[in-house]
Amino acid sequence: MHNFGVYSSILLICVFQTKATLEKTKTTLEAENTDLSNDLKQVQMAKQESERKRKQAEQTISELNIKLAEIERVKNEAAEKAAKGATETESLATQLEQAETKNIHLTQKNSSLEAQLADAQVGLGLILIYLYPVKSFLLFGVFILFLSWVWQSMNWRSQQNIPSL
């Protein structure tokens, strides 16, 4: 039986050693479990923080999309106004060009008419120079006719015995 005692003591030693190893393993596992629990809590907190930041980012993106839509609307309105302004500018440029062309033609026509007027005035002056003697002659003739009329009316009155003025 003696051998049984040795085996029992060896077995007892093995059990104690196993128990010590298991307790050490248990302690290690509990420490690792605590570490993992702390890590899990940190991961959960990081997840919550990440979720909060994601929602905040989505809100910011939503606000930026609204602002972008407003900017696009304003840009489109400005582009329409610019296009309308360009069309009006082209129209005004065409009208200005037409007015300038008309002004050139009218200036040329005015110059031509002024030249014609000057020529007519020169011709009229020449006519008046030539007609001056004729005018004098006509005035003299009218005067003679007037005197003749006066003479005849005086003769007629004298024949009628009407006193003269």
Foldseek 3Di string as FASTA:
>chain_A
DVVVVVVVVVVVVVVVVVVVVVVVVVVVVVVVVVVVVVVVVVVVVVVVVVVVVVVVVVVVVVVVVVVVVVVVVVVVVVVVVVVVVVVVVVVVVVVVVVVVVVVVVVVVVVVVVVVVVVVVVVVVVVVCVVCVVVVVVVVVVVVVVVVVVVVVVVVVCVVVVNDDD
